[in-house]
């Protein structure tokens, strides 16, 4: 269960890093990223 959540975070982190590099440091996209993380992780926990 914990491993799945950590893997999800790792994937999110990698795609976010790529998005940040391509878009630049856009505050709005970072806020969207944080919002996406808070929605994705609990869903992963519920499934595990």
C-alpha atoms as a PDB file:
ATOM      1  CA  UNK A   1       0.000   0.000   0.000  1.00  0.00           C
ATOM      2  CA  UNK A   2       2.647   2.506   1.042  1.00  0.00           C
ATOM      3  CA  UNK A   3       4.867   1.520  -1.889  1.00  0.00           C
ATOM      4  CA  UNK A   4       2.060   2.256  -4.357  1.00  0.00           C
ATOM      5  CA  UNK A   5       1.524   5.699  -2.857  1.00  0.00           C
ATOM      6  CA  UNK A   6       5.249   6.478  -2.945  1.00  0.00           C
ATOM      7  CA  UNK A   7       5.409   5.316  -6.558  1.00  0.00           C
ATOM      8  CA  UNK A   8       2.488   7.590  -7.413  1.00  0.00           C
ATOM      9  CA  UNK A   9       4.248  10.532  -5.747  1.00  0.00           C
ATOM     10  CA  UNK A  10       7.439   9.700  -7.645  1.00  0.00           C
ATOM     11  CA  UNK A  11       5.617   9.647 -10.988  1.00  0.00           C
ATOM     12  CA  UNK A  12       3.817  12.901 -10.177  1.00  0.00           C
ATOM     13  CA  UNK A  13       7.079  14.511  -9.115  1.00  0.00           C
ATOM     14  CA  UNK A  14       8.819  13.504 -12.331  1.00  0.00           C
ATOM     15  CA  UNK A  15       6.070  14.771 -14.626  1.00  0.00           C
ATOM     16  CA  UNK A  16       5.843  17.989 -12.600  1.00  0.00           C
ATOM     17  CA  UNK A  17       9.584  18.540 -12.868  1.00  0.00           C
ATOM     18  CA  UNK A  18       9.304  18.170 -16.629  1.00  0.00           C
ATOM     19  CA  UNK A  19       6.297  20.500 -16.778  1.00  0.00           C
ATOM     20  CA  UNK A  20       8.097  23.090 -14.657  1.00  0.00           C
ATOM     21  CA  UNK A  21      11.110  23.024 -16.963  1.00  0.00           C
ATOM     22  CA  UNK A  22       8.999  23.460 -20.101  1.00  0.00           C
ATOM     23  CA  UNK A  23       6.583  26.044 -18.686  1.00  0.00           C
ATOM     24  CA  UNK A  24       8.942  27.884 -16.397  1.00  0.00           C
ATOM     25  CA  UNK A  25       8.083  28.673 -12.793  1.00  0.00           C
ATOM     26  CA  UNK A  26       4.409  29.444 -13.215  1.00  0.00           C
ATOM     27  CA  UNK A  27       2.695  29.895  -9.865  1.00  0.00           C
ATOM     28  CA  UNK A  28      -0.711  28.928 -11.243  1.00  0.00           C
ATOM     29  CA  UNK A  29       0.586  25.635 -12.645  1.00  0.00           C
ATOM     30  CA  UNK A  30       2.332  24.873  -9.349  1.00  0.00           C
ATOM     31  CA  UNK A  31      -0.913  25.451  -7.453  1.00  0.00           C
ATOM     32  CA  UNK A  32      -2.702  23.185  -9.923  1.00  0.00           C
ATOM     33  CA  UNK A  33       0.019  20.594  -9.361  1.00  0.00           C
ATOM     34  CA  UNK A  34      -0.454  20.697  -5.586  1.00  0.00           C
ATOM     35  CA  UNK A  35      -4.205  20.393  -6.016  1.00  0.00           C
ATOM     36  CA  UNK A  36      -3.727  17.396  -8.329  1.00  0.00           C
ATOM     37  CA  UNK A  37      -1.402  15.707  -5.816  1.00  0.00           C
ATOM     38  CA  UNK A  38      -3.846  16.089  -2.936  1.00  0.00           C
ATOM     39  CA  UNK A  39      -6.553  14.474  -5.090  1.00  0.00           C
ATOM     40  CA  UNK A  40      -4.441  11.654  -6.542  1.00  0.00           C
ATOM     41  CA  UNK A  41      -2.774  10.380  -3.368  1.00  0.00           C
ATOM     42  CA  UNK A  42      -5.889   9.707  -1.232  1.00  0.00           C
ATOM     43  CA  UNK A  43      -7.455   7.891  -4.179  1.00  0.00           C
ATOM     44  CA  UNK A  44      -4.353   5.666  -4.384  1.00  0.00           C
ATOM     45  CA  UNK A  45      -4.536   4.971  -0.654  1.00  0.00           C
ATOM     46  CA  UNK A  46      -8.210   4.038  -0.897  1.00  0.00           C
ATOM     47  CA  UNK A  47      -7.505   1.580  -3.718  1.00  0.00           C
ATOM     48  CA  UNK A  48      -4.491  -0.074  -2.039  1.00  0.00           C
END
